[in-house]
Amino acid sequence: VVTFAVGTWSAVAGLFSLESCPSGYESGGDKCVRCPAGEYSLGDGLLTPCLPCPSGADCINGGDLIHLGVGDWSAVENDGQLQYQLDSCPSGYVFSTNADGCVACEINFYSLGFRNESSVCAPCPTGGVCSGGDVVAFAVGNWSVVNSVWQLDSCPSGYAATTSKDGCVVCAAGKYSLREGVDHECVTCPAGGDCIAGGDVVTFAVGTWSAVAGLFSLESCPSGYESGGDKCVRCPAGEYSLGDGLLTPCLPCPSGADCINGGDLIHLGVGDWSAVENDGQLQYQLDSCPSGYVFSTNADGCVACEINFYSLGFRNESSVCAPCPTGGVCSGGDVVAFAVGNWSVVNSVWQLDSCPSGYAATTSKDGCVVCAAGKYSLREGVDHECVTCPAGGDCIAGGDVVTFAVG
């Protein structure tokens, strides 16, 4: 009676012979020997020696009690013997023969999973936060995986990609970006804008702006301003502008107006004014002067007539205040008082229509002259003269007073 603890035996020619050893053992002459700690074997046979424990596995108990580490493993046949092989490392690990199998990436490094003996954990992208393994968090930007590596696809508005295009950098104060992608930089703030907050925040105090091809462009300046490159410049004292646009330069203050405060704060002087378009731009024009004034380019606009002169209102650059009529009293402006006669306005000038009884018109017919002592007039109009008193009459008082002693 012969009993065998391990192995498969057979009797040949009256003698027992070892045919094979089970998994976890190797042949040791005429017996099966258990694989020691640090080694293992798989499958039955006499030609299945114990193998060193593969990197990344634990064979501390020997035999076929093997604890496979992190990763995907398979049993493959090599030279007629099954043995474990590490096929791949999961996301967050890389294969390292020095460190036995799959090794987790440390903080500030990452891996998306592959088996390559030359591979290493990749450095964390500039725009990411890597807490070890395969955990990568991105605060800004759109990212995708290319060849098991995170790649930056685009940065949002307010950011530009780093030089190496591995992260998004916010635009600093004084610069901005309106574009998305990785092929642009932060640009300098327009002269008329405020980029103190950086990013894509741009505020404009004056003007209408639009974004064209990712850049702010000045479209128009408001009334009181003119375009100064890429900003709106307020009209200085002595100048003004009306209406929106880029082709509305500040204009010299018109004669007769006050532009001391600049901008569009214009105080129009005496007269009737209108805003007319000239070469596509609105500007003020003096249309007429009121009664008592005349237009004078030398004196800036409408000028009041002085004493002994008058005006009844017109705009004519060659016009002047008219001299006071002979029969009138002119206290300046349009004030004309007539002591004698009937008068009317013809072509903005006072004209004598008729003189009353006792008067005759002057030679120039611009006033009535009372008949002197010894003469008289009983007619009205401007086409007669004072006549000599009749021999039987007394015209000592002049005018139309004639007295007769007899008859």
Protein backbone atom coordinates (compact mmCIF):
# COMPACT_ATOMS: atom_id res chain seq x y z
CA VAL A 1 0.00 0.00 0.00
CA VAL A 2 1.56 3.34 -1.15
CA THR A 3 -0.23 6.69 -0.72
CA PHE A 4 0.81 9.95 -2.40
CA ALA A 5 -0.03 13.37 -0.93
CA VAL A 6 0.63 15.38 -4.07
CA GLY A 7 0.94 14.61 -7.71
CA THR A 8 -0.21 12.08 -10.21
CA TRP A 9 1.59 8.70 -10.10
CA SER A 10 1.48 5.52 -12.13
CA ALA A 11 2.92 1.99 -11.77
CA VAL A 12 5.25 0.97 -14.59
CA ALA A 13 7.01 -2.43 -14.56
CA GLY A 14 6.14 -2.80 -10.91
CA LEU A 15 7.48 0.60 -9.93
CA PHE A 16 5.60 3.86 -9.12
CA SER A 17 6.54 6.76 -11.38
CA LEU A 18 5.65 10.52 -10.99
CA GLU A 19 3.67 11.65 -13.99
CA SER A 20 2.78 15.31 -13.13
CA CYS A 21 2.62 17.91 -10.39
CA PRO A 22 -0.46 20.11 -9.83
CA SER A 23 -0.69 23.89 -10.05
CA GLY A 24 1.45 25.50 -7.32
CA TYR A 25 4.11 22.76 -7.43
CA GLU A 26 7.12 21.79 -9.47
CA SER A 27 8.83 18.42 -9.97
CA GLY A 28 11.69 17.73 -7.58
CA GLY A 29 13.03 14.39 -8.85
CA ASP A 30 10.52 11.80 -7.72
CA LYS A 31 8.23 14.15 -5.80
CA CYS A 32 6.22 17.39 -6.15
CA VAL A 33 7.65 20.38 -4.32
CA ARG A 34 5.42 23.37 -3.40
CA CYS A 35 6.53 26.69 -4.89
CA PRO A 36 8.13 28.78 -2.15
CA ALA A 37 7.12 32.33 -1.19
CA GLY A 38 7.86 34.68 -4.08
CA GLU A 39 7.23 32.04 -6.75
CA TYR A 40 4.21 30.38 -8.40
CA SER A 41 3.23 27.86 -11.03
CA LEU A 42 0.08 27.26 -13.10
CA GLY A 43 -1.22 24.01 -14.60
CA ASP A 44 -0.27 20.35 -14.30
CA GLY A 45 2.87 18.70 -15.63
CA LEU A 46 6.43 17.75 -14.94
CA LEU A 47 7.81 20.65 -16.96
CA THR A 48 6.17 23.42 -15.01
CA PRO A 49 8.89 24.88 -12.86
CA CYS A 50 8.04 27.51 -10.27
CA LEU A 51 8.31 31.02 -11.78
CA PRO A 52 9.31 34.28 -10.12
CA CYS A 53 6.28 36.29 -9.00
CA PRO A 54 5.48 38.83 -11.79
CA SER A 55 5.97 42.57 -11.10
CA GLY A 56 2.83 44.01 -9.64
CA ALA A 57 1.62 40.69 -8.07
CA ASP A 58 1.93 39.16 -4.60
CA CYS A 59 3.13 35.53 -4.22
CA ILE A 60 3.94 35.71 -0.53
CA ASN A 61 2.24 32.39 0.20
CA GLY A 62 3.84 30.50 -2.65
CA GLY A 63 2.17 27.68 -4.52
CA ASP A 64 -0.48 29.01 -6.88
CA LEU A 65 -1.82 31.47 -4.33
CA ILE A 66 -1.02 34.63 -6.27
CA HIS A 67 -2.65 38.01 -5.61
CA LEU A 68 -2.62 39.97 -8.82
CA GLY A 69 -2.10 43.70 -8.33
CA VAL A 70 -3.68 46.72 -10.10
CA GLY A 71 -4.24 46.30 -13.83
CA ASP A 72 -5.56 43.86 -16.37
CA TRP A 73 -3.81 40.44 -16.26
CA SER A 74 -4.01 37.34 -18.42
CA ALA A 75 -2.55 33.81 -18.29
CA VAL A 76 -0.53 33.20 -21.45
CA GLU A 77 1.48 30.19 -22.56
CA ASN A 78 5.21 30.67 -22.85
CA ASP A 79 7.45 27.73 -23.81
CA GLY A 80 4.59 25.36 -23.05
CA GLN A 81 3.94 26.78 -19.58
CA LEU A 82 1.18 29.10 -18.39
CA GLN A 83 2.27 32.30 -16.67
CA TYR A 84 0.64 35.57 -15.66
CA GLN A 85 1.22 38.67 -17.78
CA LEU A 86 0.27 42.29 -17.02
CA ASP A 87 -1.58 43.55 -20.08
CA SER A 88 -2.47 47.14 -19.13
CA CYS A 89 -2.60 49.65 -16.31
CA PRO A 90 -5.86 51.44 -15.53
CA SER A 91 -6.42 55.16 -15.70
CA GLY A 92 -4.36 56.90 -13.04
CA TYR A 93 -1.48 54.40 -13.20
CA VAL A 94 1.58 53.73 -15.36
CA PHE A 95 3.66 50.59 -15.79
CA SER A 96 7.01 50.62 -14.08
CA THR A 97 9.36 47.60 -13.88
CA ASN A 98 11.35 49.42 -11.20
CA ALA A 99 8.32 49.83 -8.99
CA ASP A 100 6.69 46.45 -9.80
CA GLY A 101 3.73 46.78 -12.16
CA CYS A 102 1.15 49.57 -12.16
CA VAL A 103 2.10 52.58 -10.07
CA ALA A 104 -0.35 55.35 -9.16
CA CYS A 105 0.49 58.85 -10.37
CA GLU A 106 1.37 61.28 -7.61
CA ILE A 107 -0.14 64.71 -6.97
CA ASN A 108 0.49 67.13 -9.88
CA PHE A 109 0.80 64.21 -12.31
CA TYR A 110 -1.77 62.08 -14.11
CA SER A 111 -2.26 59.11 -16.44
CA LEU A 112 -5.21 58.05 -18.55
CA GLY A 113 -4.25 54.37 -18.66
CA PHE A 114 -1.80 52.43 -20.89
CA ARG A 115 0.95 49.83 -20.60
CA ASN A 116 4.21 51.00 -21.98
CA GLU A 117 7.44 50.30 -20.16
CA SER A 118 8.81 53.66 -21.29
CA SER A 119 5.72 55.63 -20.22
CA VAL A 120 5.59 57.97 -17.26
CA CYS A 121 2.90 59.95 -15.45
CA ALA A 122 2.32 63.18 -17.41
CA PRO A 123 2.81 66.54 -15.69
CA CYS A 124 -0.44 68.26 -14.81
CA PRO A 125 -1.52 70.76 -17.53
CA THR A 126 -1.01 74.43 -16.65
CA GLY A 127 -4.76 74.99 -16.51
CA GLY A 128 -5.58 71.84 -14.55
CA VAL A 129 -5.54 70.59 -10.98
CA CYS A 130 -4.20 67.03 -10.57
CA SER A 131 -4.82 65.34 -7.23
CA GLY A 132 -3.07 62.17 -8.31
CA GLY A 133 -4.13 59.16 -10.36
CA ASP A 134 -6.34 60.12 -13.30
CA VAL A 135 -8.14 62.99 -11.56
CA VAL A 136 -7.68 66.21 -13.54
CA ALA A 137 -9.98 69.15 -12.92
CA PHE A 138 -9.97 72.13 -15.28
CA ALA A 139 -11.13 75.50 -14.01
CA VAL A 140 -11.08 77.16 -17.43
CA GLY A 141 -11.18 76.05 -21.04
CA ASN A 142 -12.39 73.16 -23.16
CA TRP A 143 -10.16 70.07 -23.06
CA SER A 144 -10.13 66.69 -24.81
CA VAL A 145 -8.01 63.53 -24.66
CA VAL A 146 -5.64 62.93 -27.58
CA ASN A 147 -3.32 59.91 -27.46
CA SER A 148 -4.07 59.45 -23.75
CA VAL A 149 -3.02 63.02 -22.93
CA TRP A 150 -5.23 65.98 -22.05
CA GLN A 151 -5.07 68.62 -24.75
CA LEU A 152 -6.40 72.19 -24.63
CA ASP A 153 -8.98 72.79 -27.35
CA SER A 154 -10.03 76.36 -26.62
CA CYS A 155 -9.94 79.16 -24.07
CA PRO A 156 -13.10 81.19 -23.40
CA SER A 157 -13.59 84.89 -23.89
CA GLY A 158 -11.37 86.84 -21.50
CA TYR A 159 -8.50 84.34 -21.68
CA ALA A 160 -5.60 83.49 -23.96
CA ALA A 161 -3.69 80.23 -24.24
CA THR A 162 -0.21 79.92 -22.74
CA THR A 163 2.74 79.95 -25.11
CA SER A 164 2.86 76.15 -24.98
CA LYS A 165 -0.96 76.04 -25.35
CA ASP A 166 -1.33 73.87 -22.26
CA GLY A 167 -3.52 76.24 -20.27
CA CYS A 168 -5.68 79.39 -20.30
CA VAL A 169 -4.41 82.62 -18.76
CA VAL A 170 -6.86 85.38 -17.84
CA CYS A 171 -6.23 88.72 -19.52
CA ALA A 172 -4.56 91.12 -17.09
CA ALA A 173 -5.82 94.61 -16.25
CA GLY A 174 -5.37 96.87 -19.26
CA LYS A 175 -5.98 94.06 -21.75
CA TYR A 176 -8.94 92.03 -23.00
CA SER A 177 -9.97 89.19 -25.28
CA LEU A 178 -13.31 88.53 -26.95
CA ARG A 179 -12.24 85.49 -28.95
CA GLU A 180 -12.34 81.79 -28.14
CA GLY A 181 -9.65 79.28 -29.11
CA VAL A 182 -5.92 78.82 -28.61
CA ASP A 183 -4.57 80.98 -31.43
CA HIS A 184 -5.05 84.43 -30.00
CA GLU A 185 -3.55 86.71 -27.38
CA CYS A 186 -4.94 89.30 -25.01
CA VAL A 187 -4.93 92.68 -26.76
CA THR A 188 -4.36 96.16 -25.39
CA CYS A 189 -7.47 98.01 -24.20
CA PRO A 190 -8.75 100.63 -26.69
CA ALA A 191 -7.81 104.18 -25.77
CA GLY A 192 -11.49 104.98 -25.28
CA GLY A 193 -12.20 101.93 -23.09
CA ASP A 194 -11.61 100.81 -19.53
CA CYS A 195 -10.17 97.29 -19.06
CA ILE A 196 -9.23 97.67 -15.40
CA ALA A 197 -10.96 94.39 -14.54
CA GLY A 198 -9.17 92.41 -17.28
CA GLY A 199 -10.73 89.32 -18.86
CA ASP A 200 -13.41 90.28 -21.38
CA VAL A 201 -14.79 93.19 -19.34
CA VAL A 202 -14.44 96.46 -21.28
CA THR A 203 -16.46 99.55 -20.42
CA PHE A 204 -16.71 102.63 -22.59
CA ALA A 205 -17.47 106.05 -21.15
CA VAL A 206 -18.26 107.69 -24.48
CA GLY A 207 -19.18 106.51 -27.95
CA THR A 208 -20.80 103.57 -29.69
CA TRP A 209 -18.55 100.52 -30.05
CA SER A 210 -18.92 97.13 -31.74
CA ALA A 211 -16.90 93.92 -31.71
CA VAL A 212 -15.45 93.00 -35.10
CA ALA A 213 -13.25 89.90 -35.48
CA GLY A 214 -12.70 89.80 -31.73
CA LEU A 215 -11.65 93.46 -31.43
CA PHE A 216 -13.62 96.47 -30.26
CA SER A 217 -14.06 99.11 -32.95
CA LEU A 218 -15.32 102.67 -32.47
CA GLU A 219 -18.43 103.22 -34.59
CA SER A 220 -19.48 106.73 -33.68
CA CYS A 221 -18.99 109.59 -31.24
CA PRO A 222 -21.93 111.46 -29.71
CA SER A 223 -22.81 115.10 -30.08
CA GLY A 224 -20.07 117.25 -28.53
CA TYR A 225 -17.22 114.88 -29.42
CA GLU A 226 -15.02 114.01 -32.37
CA SER A 227 -13.09 110.86 -33.19
CA GLY A 228 -9.48 110.84 -31.99
CA GLY A 229 -8.19 107.53 -33.36
CA ASP A 230 -9.80 104.85 -31.22
CA LYS A 231 -11.52 107.15 -28.74
CA CYS A 232 -13.98 110.05 -28.60
CA VAL A 233 -12.45 113.42 -27.71
CA ARG A 234 -14.62 116.20 -26.29
CA CYS A 235 -14.66 119.41 -28.30
CA PRO A 236 -12.52 122.04 -26.56
CA ALA A 237 -13.67 125.51 -25.59
CA GLY A 238 -14.44 127.54 -28.70
CA GLU A 239 -15.57 124.51 -30.71
CA TYR A 240 -18.65 122.27 -30.96
CA SER A 241 -20.13 119.30 -32.81
CA LEU A 242 -23.67 118.08 -33.45
CA GLY A 243 -24.92 114.57 -34.20
CA ASP A 244 -23.39 111.11 -34.05
CA GLY A 245 -20.71 109.75 -36.34
CA LEU A 246 -17.00 109.30 -36.91
CA LEU A 247 -16.84 112.01 -39.58
CA THR A 248 -18.11 114.81 -37.37
CA PRO A 249 -15.06 116.88 -36.44
CA CYS A 250 -15.37 119.68 -33.93
CA LEU A 251 -16.21 122.95 -35.69
CA PRO A 252 -15.26 126.51 -34.79
CA CYS A 253 -17.98 128.24 -32.81
CA PRO A 254 -20.22 130.19 -35.22
CA SER A 255 -20.18 133.98 -35.15
CA GLY A 256 -22.71 135.21 -32.65
CA ALA A 257 -22.67 132.08 -30.46
CA ASP A 258 -20.81 131.13 -27.28
CA CYS A 259 -18.98 127.77 -27.10
CA ILE A 260 -16.90 128.58 -24.02
CA ASN A 261 -17.67 125.19 -22.43
CA GLY A 262 -16.93 123.10 -25.52
CA GLY A 263 -18.72 119.86 -26.34
CA ASP A 264 -22.23 120.51 -27.64
CA LEU A 265 -22.93 123.15 -24.96
CA ILE A 266 -23.42 126.07 -27.31
CA HIS A 267 -25.24 129.26 -26.33
CA LEU A 268 -26.75 130.74 -29.46
CA GLY A 269 -26.76 134.51 -29.52
CA VAL A 270 -29.40 136.95 -30.77
CA GLY A 271 -31.25 135.92 -33.92
CA ASP A 272 -32.95 132.96 -35.53
CA TRP A 273 -30.68 129.92 -35.89
CA SER A 274 -31.10 126.53 -37.53
CA ALA A 275 -29.07 123.32 -37.69
CA VAL A 276 -28.29 122.60 -41.34
CA GLU A 277 -26.32 119.78 -42.94
CA ASN A 278 -23.10 120.72 -44.66
CA ASP A 279 -20.87 118.02 -46.15
CA GLY A 280 -22.79 115.40 -44.21
CA GLN A 281 -22.41 117.18 -40.87
CA LEU A 282 -24.90 119.24 -38.87
CA GLN A 283 -23.82 122.75 -37.98
CA TYR A 284 -25.54 125.87 -36.70
CA GLN A 285 -26.37 128.68 -39.11
CA LEU A 286 -27.62 132.17 -38.31
CA ASP A 287 -30.70 132.69 -40.48
CA SER A 288 -31.80 136.19 -39.52
CA CYS A 289 -31.31 139.04 -37.09
CA PRO A 290 -34.32 140.48 -35.25
CA SER A 291 -35.57 144.00 -35.52
CA GLY A 292 -33.01 146.43 -34.10
CA TYR A 293 -29.99 144.33 -35.17
CA VAL A 294 -27.91 143.76 -38.28
CA PHE A 295 -25.57 140.90 -39.18
CA SER A 296 -21.89 141.65 -38.93
CA THR A 297 -19.14 139.08 -39.46
CA ASN A 298 -16.64 141.49 -37.95
CA ALA A 299 -18.68 141.83 -34.76
CA ASP A 300 -19.83 138.18 -34.61
CA GLY A 301 -23.47 137.71 -35.49
CA CYS A 302 -26.31 140.10 -34.81
CA VAL A 303 -25.26 143.54 -33.58
CA ALA A 304 -27.68 146.09 -32.08
CA CYS A 305 -28.00 149.43 -33.86
CA GLU A 306 -26.60 152.40 -31.94
CA ILE A 307 -28.37 155.71 -31.16
CA ASN A 308 -29.38 157.65 -34.30
CA PHE A 309 -29.46 154.38 -36.29
CA TYR A 310 -32.07 151.66 -36.65
CA SER A 311 -32.86 148.30 -38.27
CA LEU A 312 -36.11 146.49 -38.85
CA GLY A 313 -34.62 143.00 -39.06
CA PHE A 314 -32.88 141.11 -41.86
CA ARG A 315 -29.81 138.94 -42.47
CA ASN A 316 -27.53 140.36 -45.07
CA GLU A 317 -23.81 140.34 -44.60
CA SER A 318 -23.51 143.63 -46.49
CA SER A 319 -26.32 145.35 -44.57
CA VAL A 320 -25.79 148.10 -42.04
CA CYS A 321 -27.95 150.00 -39.54
CA ALA A 322 -29.83 152.72 -41.40
CA PRO A 323 -29.39 156.37 -40.37
CA CYS A 324 -32.35 157.81 -38.46
CA PRO A 325 -34.84 159.56 -40.77
CA THR A 326 -34.77 163.39 -40.61
CA GLY A 327 -38.15 163.51 -39.00
CA GLY A 328 -37.56 160.69 -36.53
CA VAL A 329 -35.88 160.10 -33.20
CA CYS A 330 -33.82 156.86 -33.00
CA SER A 331 -32.78 155.68 -29.54
CA GLY A 332 -31.04 152.58 -30.94
CA GLY A 333 -32.23 149.16 -32.00
CA ASP A 334 -35.52 149.34 -33.89
CA VAL A 335 -37.01 152.22 -31.87
CA VAL A 336 -37.95 155.13 -34.17
CA ALA A 337 -40.34 157.86 -33.00
CA PHE A 338 -41.83 160.30 -35.49
CA ALA A 339 -43.08 163.72 -34.31
CA VAL A 340 -44.73 164.65 -37.58
CA GLY A 341 -46.00 162.86 -40.66
CA ASN A 342 -47.28 159.51 -41.72
CA TRP A 343 -44.62 156.82 -42.18
CA SER A 344 -44.53 153.19 -43.37
CA VAL A 345 -41.93 150.45 -43.75
CA VAL A 346 -40.81 149.66 -47.30
CA ASN A 347 -38.02 147.04 -47.81
CA SER A 348 -37.19 147.15 -44.08
CA VAL A 349 -36.70 150.95 -44.17
CA TRP A 350 -38.98 153.68 -42.80
CA GLN A 351 -40.40 155.77 -45.63
CA LEU A 352 -42.29 159.08 -45.40
CA ASP A 353 -45.77 158.76 -46.88
CA SER A 354 -47.14 162.25 -46.22
CA CYS A 355 -46.67 165.47 -44.30
CA PRO A 356 -49.68 167.14 -42.64
CA SER A 357 -51.09 170.58 -43.31
CA GLY A 358 -48.56 173.28 -42.37
CA TYR A 359 -45.58 171.17 -43.40
CA ALA A 360 -43.71 170.31 -46.56
CA ALA A 361 -41.42 167.32 -47.20
CA THR A 362 -37.66 167.81 -47.24
CA THR A 363 -35.87 167.83 -50.54
CA SER A 364 -34.91 164.17 -50.01
CA LYS A 365 -38.44 163.44 -48.78
CA ASP A 366 -37.18 161.84 -45.56
CA GLY A 367 -38.94 164.25 -43.19
CA CYS A 368 -41.53 167.02 -42.72
CA VAL A 369 -40.45 170.65 -42.27
CA VAL A 370 -42.86 173.17 -40.76
CA CYS A 371 -43.63 176.19 -42.94
CA ALA A 372 -41.67 179.22 -41.71
CA ALA A 373 -43.18 182.65 -40.80
CA GLY A 374 -44.45 184.30 -43.95
CA LYS A 375 -45.32 180.99 -45.55
CA TYR A 376 -48.01 178.38 -45.20
CA SER A 377 -49.26 175.02 -46.56
CA LEU A 378 -52.76 173.66 -46.57
CA ARG A 379 -51.96 170.46 -48.48
CA GLU A 380 -50.95 167.01 -47.25
CA GLY A 381 -48.43 164.74 -48.94
CA VAL A 382 -44.81 164.91 -50.02
CA ASP A 383 -45.18 166.59 -53.40
CA HIS A 384 -45.71 170.16 -52.34
CA GLU A 385 -43.81 173.07 -50.78
CA CYS A 386 -44.70 175.89 -48.41
CA VAL A 387 -46.07 178.88 -50.33
CA THR A 388 -45.73 182.65 -49.68
CA CYS A 389 -48.43 184.21 -47.54
CA PRO A 390 -51.10 186.21 -49.52
CA ALA A 391 -50.67 190.03 -49.43
CA GLY A 392 -53.92 190.38 -47.51
CA GLY A 393 -53.06 187.72 -45.01
CA ASP A 394 -50.86 187.28 -41.97
CA CYS A 395 -48.66 184.14 -41.80
CA ILE A 396 -46.52 185.28 -38.96
CA ALA A 397 -47.01 181.99 -37.08
CA GLY A 398 -46.09 179.84 -40.10
CA GLY A 399 -47.45 176.36 -40.58
CA ASP A 400 -51.03 176.41 -41.79
CA VAL A 401 -52.03 179.45 -39.69
CA VAL A 402 -53.11 182.34 -41.92
CA THR A 403 -55.16 185.26 -40.62
CA PHE A 404 -56.90 187.90 -42.74
CA ALA A 405 -57.67 191.41 -41.47
CA VAL A 406 -60.18 192.32 -44.18
CA GLY A 407 -62.16 190.36 -46.67
